[in-house]
């Protein structure tokens, strides 16, 4: 008599065994290769310091950058658009097309 839930858990169990094997291989390789471990630690430190620098820079300059892209004022989502700015020049439209505005 077959248990119906056994086949359902076979693929995740196989994936977990493969992941455990990969972890064991990584640990054994880590212990055998001092240079590789040192490079990994160096790159990990570089990544952490870069992310920390980005966080500090965003805290210092974030409001300035946000103010550049989100204008205050009346109009649309980002402060509105002048009425005449959405018309294309004559040379960009073909002769049979009518010029459309942003309201159409």
N, C-alpha and C. Protein backbone atom coordinates (compact mmCIF):
# COMPACT_ATOMS: atom_id res chain seq x y z
N UNK A 1 0.85 -1.18 0.00
CA UNK A 1 0.00 0.00 0.00
C UNK A 1 0.90 1.25 0.00
N UNK A 2 0.68 2.12 -0.96
CA UNK A 2 1.50 3.32 -1.11
C UNK A 2 0.90 4.46 -0.28
N UNK A 3 1.78 5.19 0.34
CA UNK A 3 1.36 6.36 1.11
C UNK A 3 1.34 7.55 0.15
N UNK A 4 0.20 8.25 0.01
CA UNK A 4 0.09 9.30 -1.01
C UNK A 4 0.98 10.51 -0.76
N UNK A 5 1.32 10.84 0.47
CA UNK A 5 2.09 12.04 0.74
C UNK A 5 3.59 11.85 0.59
N UNK A 6 4.06 10.59 0.42
CA UNK A 6 5.49 10.34 0.30
C UNK A 6 6.04 10.93 -0.99
N UNK A 7 5.36 10.73 -2.11
CA UNK A 7 5.81 11.27 -3.40
C UNK A 7 5.79 12.78 -3.43
N UNK A 8 4.91 13.36 -2.66
CA UNK A 8 4.78 14.81 -2.61
C UNK A 8 5.99 15.46 -1.94
N UNK A 9 6.62 14.79 -1.00
CA UNK A 9 7.75 15.36 -0.26
C UNK A 9 9.09 14.86 -0.78
N UNK A 10 9.08 14.05 -1.83
CA UNK A 10 10.33 13.49 -2.34
C UNK A 10 11.23 14.56 -2.97
N UNK A 11 10.68 15.44 -3.77
CA UNK A 11 11.48 16.47 -4.43
C UNK A 11 12.08 17.47 -3.43
N UNK A 12 11.32 17.99 -2.47
CA UNK A 12 11.95 18.90 -1.50
C UNK A 12 13.01 18.21 -0.65
N UNK A 13 12.80 16.94 -0.30
CA UNK A 13 13.80 16.20 0.47
C UNK A 13 15.08 16.02 -0.35
N UNK A 14 14.93 15.72 -1.61
CA UNK A 14 16.10 15.58 -2.49
C UNK A 14 16.84 16.91 -2.63
N UNK A 15 16.09 18.00 -2.73
CA UNK A 15 16.72 19.33 -2.83
C UNK A 15 17.46 19.67 -1.54
N UNK A 16 16.89 19.33 -0.38
CA UNK A 16 17.56 19.59 0.89
C UNK A 16 18.82 18.75 1.04
N UNK A 17 18.78 17.49 0.59
CA UNK A 17 20.00 16.65 0.64
C UNK A 17 21.07 17.23 -0.26
N UNK A 18 20.71 17.72 -1.44
CA UNK A 18 21.68 18.32 -2.35
C UNK A 18 22.25 19.60 -1.75
N UNK A 19 21.42 20.38 -1.10
CA UNK A 19 21.89 21.61 -0.46
C UNK A 19 22.83 21.31 0.71
N UNK A 20 22.51 20.27 1.49
CA UNK A 20 23.39 19.87 2.59
C UNK A 20 24.73 19.39 2.05
N UNK A 21 24.70 18.62 0.97
CA UNK A 21 25.95 18.15 0.36
C UNK A 21 26.78 19.33 -0.13
N UNK A 22 26.12 20.29 -0.76
CA UNK A 22 26.82 21.48 -1.24
C UNK A 22 27.44 22.26 -0.08
N UNK A 23 26.72 22.35 1.04
CA UNK A 23 27.24 23.02 2.22
C UNK A 23 28.47 22.31 2.78
N UNK A 24 28.43 20.98 2.80
CA UNK A 24 29.58 20.21 3.29
C UNK A 24 30.78 20.40 2.37
N UNK A 25 30.53 20.43 1.07
CA UNK A 25 31.62 20.66 0.11
C UNK A 25 32.22 22.06 0.30
N UNK A 26 31.37 23.03 0.54
CA UNK A 26 31.85 24.40 0.74
C UNK A 26 32.72 24.48 1.99
N UNK A 27 32.28 23.84 3.09
CA UNK A 27 33.05 23.88 4.33
C UNK A 27 34.38 23.18 4.16
N UNK A 28 34.40 22.03 3.52
CA UNK A 28 35.67 21.32 3.33
C UNK A 28 36.60 22.10 2.40
N UNK A 29 36.04 22.73 1.39
CA UNK A 29 36.85 23.54 0.48
C UNK A 29 37.37 24.79 1.20
N UNK A 30 36.54 25.36 2.06
CA UNK A 30 36.91 26.54 2.84
C UNK A 30 38.10 26.22 3.75
N UNK A 31 38.06 25.07 4.39
CA UNK A 31 39.13 24.69 5.31
C UNK A 31 40.42 24.38 4.56
N UNK A 32 40.33 23.93 3.32
CA UNK A 32 41.51 23.54 2.56
C UNK A 32 42.18 24.72 1.85
N UNK A 33 41.43 25.77 1.55
CA UNK A 33 41.95 26.88 0.75
C UNK A 33 42.01 28.16 1.57
N UNK A 34 43.15 28.47 2.13
CA UNK A 34 43.28 29.69 2.92
C UNK A 34 43.18 30.95 2.06
N UNK A 35 43.75 30.91 0.87
CA UNK A 35 43.71 32.08 -0.01
C UNK A 35 42.28 32.38 -0.44
N UNK A 36 41.55 31.35 -0.78
CA UNK A 36 40.16 31.54 -1.20
C UNK A 36 39.33 32.10 -0.05
N UNK A 37 39.56 31.62 1.15
CA UNK A 37 38.83 32.13 2.31
C UNK A 37 39.17 33.59 2.56
N UNK A 38 40.45 33.94 2.42
CA UNK A 38 40.86 35.33 2.62
C UNK A 38 40.23 36.24 1.58
N UNK A 39 40.20 35.81 0.32
CA UNK A 39 39.57 36.62 -0.73
C UNK A 39 38.07 36.78 -0.49
N UNK A 40 37.44 35.70 -0.06
CA UNK A 40 36.01 35.78 0.23
C UNK A 40 35.75 36.77 1.36
N UNK A 41 36.55 36.70 2.41
CA UNK A 41 36.37 37.62 3.53
C UNK A 41 36.63 39.07 3.10
N UNK A 42 37.64 39.26 2.26
CA UNK A 42 37.94 40.61 1.77
C UNK A 42 36.80 41.17 0.94
N UNK A 43 36.25 40.36 0.03
CA UNK A 43 35.15 40.81 -0.80
C UNK A 43 33.87 41.03 0.01
N UNK A 44 33.67 40.19 1.01
CA UNK A 44 32.51 40.37 1.88
C UNK A 44 32.65 41.67 2.68
N UNK A 45 33.84 41.96 3.18
CA UNK A 45 34.09 43.20 3.89
C UNK A 45 33.88 44.40 2.98
N UNK A 46 34.34 44.30 1.72
CA UNK A 46 34.17 45.37 0.75
C UNK A 46 32.67 45.63 0.51
N UNK A 47 31.90 44.56 0.35
CA UNK A 47 30.47 44.69 0.13
C UNK A 47 29.79 45.36 1.32
N UNK A 48 30.12 44.94 2.52
CA UNK A 48 29.51 45.51 3.72
C UNK A 48 29.87 46.99 3.85
N UNK A 49 31.13 47.33 3.63
CA UNK A 49 31.54 48.74 3.71
C UNK A 49 30.88 49.59 2.64
N UNK A 50 30.71 49.04 1.44
CA UNK A 50 30.03 49.78 0.37
C UNK A 50 28.57 50.04 0.72
N UNK A 51 27.89 49.02 1.23
CA UNK A 51 26.49 49.19 1.62
C UNK A 51 26.36 50.17 2.79
N UNK A 52 27.31 50.13 3.72
CA UNK A 52 27.30 51.08 4.82
C UNK A 52 27.53 52.51 4.32
N UNK A 53 28.44 52.67 3.36
CA UNK A 53 28.68 53.99 2.78
C UNK A 53 27.47 54.52 2.04
N UNK A 54 26.78 53.66 1.33
CA UNK A 54 25.55 54.07 0.63
C UNK A 54 24.49 54.50 1.63
N UNK A 55 24.37 53.75 2.72
CA UNK A 55 23.39 54.10 3.75
C UNK A 55 23.70 55.45 4.37
N UNK A 56 24.96 55.71 4.70
CA UNK A 56 25.35 56.99 5.30
C UNK A 56 25.12 58.13 4.31
N UNK A 57 25.51 57.92 3.04
CA UNK A 57 25.31 58.96 2.03
C UNK A 57 23.83 59.25 1.82
N UNK A 58 22.99 58.23 1.86
CA UNK A 58 21.56 58.45 1.67
C UNK A 58 20.98 59.22 2.85
N UNK A 59 21.45 58.93 4.05
CA UNK A 59 20.96 59.67 5.21
C UNK A 59 21.36 61.14 5.13
N UNK A 60 22.56 61.42 4.60
CA UNK A 60 23.04 62.80 4.52
C UNK A 60 22.39 63.54 3.36
N UNK A 61 22.38 62.92 2.17
CA UNK A 61 21.95 63.61 0.95
C UNK A 61 20.60 63.15 0.41
N UNK A 62 19.92 62.24 1.08
CA UNK A 62 18.67 61.68 0.56
C UNK A 62 17.58 62.70 0.35
N UNK A 63 17.43 63.60 1.30
CA UNK A 63 16.36 64.60 1.16
C UNK A 63 16.65 65.56 0.00
N UNK A 64 17.93 65.86 -0.23
CA UNK A 64 18.30 66.73 -1.36
C UNK A 64 17.98 66.05 -2.68
N UNK A 65 18.33 64.77 -2.80
CA UNK A 65 18.07 64.02 -4.03
C UNK A 65 16.57 63.87 -4.26
N UNK A 66 15.84 63.58 -3.21
CA UNK A 66 14.39 63.44 -3.34
C UNK A 66 13.77 64.76 -3.76
N UNK A 67 14.28 65.86 -3.22
CA UNK A 67 13.76 67.18 -3.59
C UNK A 67 14.00 67.53 -5.04
N UNK A 68 15.05 67.01 -5.63
CA UNK A 68 15.31 67.27 -7.05
C UNK A 68 14.31 66.58 -7.96
N UNK A 69 13.85 65.41 -7.57
CA UNK A 69 12.98 64.64 -8.45
C UNK A 69 11.51 64.79 -8.15
N UNK A 70 11.15 65.18 -6.96
CA UNK A 70 9.75 65.37 -6.60
C UNK A 70 9.54 66.84 -6.26
N UNK A 71 9.18 67.62 -7.29
CA UNK A 71 8.97 69.05 -7.09
C UNK A 71 7.69 69.29 -6.29
N UNK A 72 7.71 70.32 -5.52
CA UNK A 72 6.51 70.73 -4.80
C UNK A 72 5.74 71.71 -5.66
N UNK A 73 4.44 71.61 -5.66
CA UNK A 73 3.64 72.55 -6.41
C UNK A 73 2.34 71.93 -6.87
N UNK A 74 1.58 72.72 -7.64
CA UNK A 74 0.29 72.24 -8.11
C UNK A 74 0.49 71.46 -9.39
N UNK A 75 -0.45 70.62 -9.68
CA UNK A 75 -0.41 69.88 -10.93
C UNK A 75 -0.37 68.38 -10.70
N UNK A 76 0.36 67.70 -11.55
CA UNK A 76 0.40 66.25 -11.54
C UNK A 76 1.17 65.67 -10.36
N UNK A 77 1.51 64.44 -10.50
CA UNK A 77 2.17 63.70 -9.43
C UNK A 77 3.48 64.34 -9.01
N UNK A 78 4.26 64.81 -9.96
CA UNK A 78 5.57 65.38 -9.66
C UNK A 78 5.60 66.89 -9.79
N UNK A 79 4.49 67.53 -9.63
CA UNK A 79 4.49 68.99 -9.65
C UNK A 79 3.90 69.59 -10.89
N UNK A 80 3.40 68.80 -11.80
CA UNK A 80 2.72 69.34 -12.97
C UNK A 80 3.62 69.54 -14.16
N UNK A 81 3.00 69.70 -15.30
CA UNK A 81 3.70 69.92 -16.56
C UNK A 81 3.05 71.11 -17.24
N UNK A 82 3.83 72.01 -17.77
CA UNK A 82 3.22 73.13 -18.51
C UNK A 82 2.41 72.62 -19.69
N UNK A 83 1.37 73.37 -20.06
CA UNK A 83 0.46 72.93 -21.12
C UNK A 83 1.15 72.75 -22.46
N UNK A 84 2.06 73.60 -22.82
CA UNK A 84 2.66 73.53 -24.15
C UNK A 84 3.81 72.57 -24.30
N UNK A 85 4.27 71.95 -23.22
CA UNK A 85 5.48 71.15 -23.31
C UNK A 85 5.28 69.78 -23.91
N UNK A 86 4.04 69.30 -24.02
CA UNK A 86 3.84 67.95 -24.52
C UNK A 86 3.58 67.90 -26.03
N UNK A 87 3.59 69.03 -26.72
CA UNK A 87 3.41 69.02 -28.16
C UNK A 87 4.72 68.67 -28.85
N UNK A 88 4.63 67.79 -29.83
CA UNK A 88 5.82 67.42 -30.59
C UNK A 88 6.09 68.45 -31.67
N UNK A 89 7.32 68.69 -32.00
CA UNK A 89 7.62 69.58 -33.12
C UNK A 89 7.05 69.01 -34.42
N UNK A 90 6.91 69.87 -35.41
CA UNK A 90 6.33 69.47 -36.69
C UNK A 90 7.15 68.37 -37.36
N UNK A 91 8.46 68.43 -37.28
CA UNK A 91 9.30 67.46 -37.99
C UNK A 91 9.23 66.07 -37.39
N UNK A 92 8.71 65.90 -36.14
CA UNK A 92 8.61 64.57 -35.54
C UNK A 92 7.30 63.88 -35.90
N UNK A 93 6.31 64.59 -36.37
CA UNK A 93 5.04 63.96 -36.69
C UNK A 93 4.89 63.85 -38.20
N UNK A 94 4.17 62.81 -38.63
CA UNK A 94 3.95 62.67 -40.07
C UNK A 94 2.83 63.62 -40.50
N UNK A 95 2.70 63.82 -41.78
CA UNK A 95 1.73 64.78 -42.30
C UNK A 95 0.29 64.37 -42.05
N UNK A 96 -0.01 63.07 -41.97
CA UNK A 96 -1.39 62.63 -41.82
C UNK A 96 -1.82 62.54 -40.36
N UNK A 97 -0.88 62.58 -39.41
CA UNK A 97 -1.23 62.47 -38.00
C UNK A 97 -1.50 63.85 -37.41
N UNK A 98 -2.50 63.92 -36.56
CA UNK A 98 -2.75 65.17 -35.87
C UNK A 98 -1.90 65.19 -34.59
N UNK A 99 -1.51 66.38 -34.19
CA UNK A 99 -0.70 66.52 -32.99
C UNK A 99 -1.60 66.36 -31.79
N UNK A 100 -1.24 65.45 -30.87
CA UNK A 100 -2.05 65.20 -29.69
C UNK A 100 -1.42 65.88 -28.48
N UNK A 101 -2.25 66.27 -27.57
CA UNK A 101 -1.75 66.84 -26.32
C UNK A 101 -1.82 65.77 -25.25
N UNK A 102 -1.30 66.06 -24.09
CA UNK A 102 -1.30 65.10 -23.00
C UNK A 102 -2.69 64.87 -22.43
N UNK A 103 -3.64 65.70 -22.79
CA UNK A 103 -5.00 65.55 -22.29
C UNK A 103 -5.81 64.56 -23.11
N UNK A 104 -5.34 64.17 -24.26
CA UNK A 104 -6.11 63.27 -25.12
C UNK A 104 -5.88 61.83 -24.77
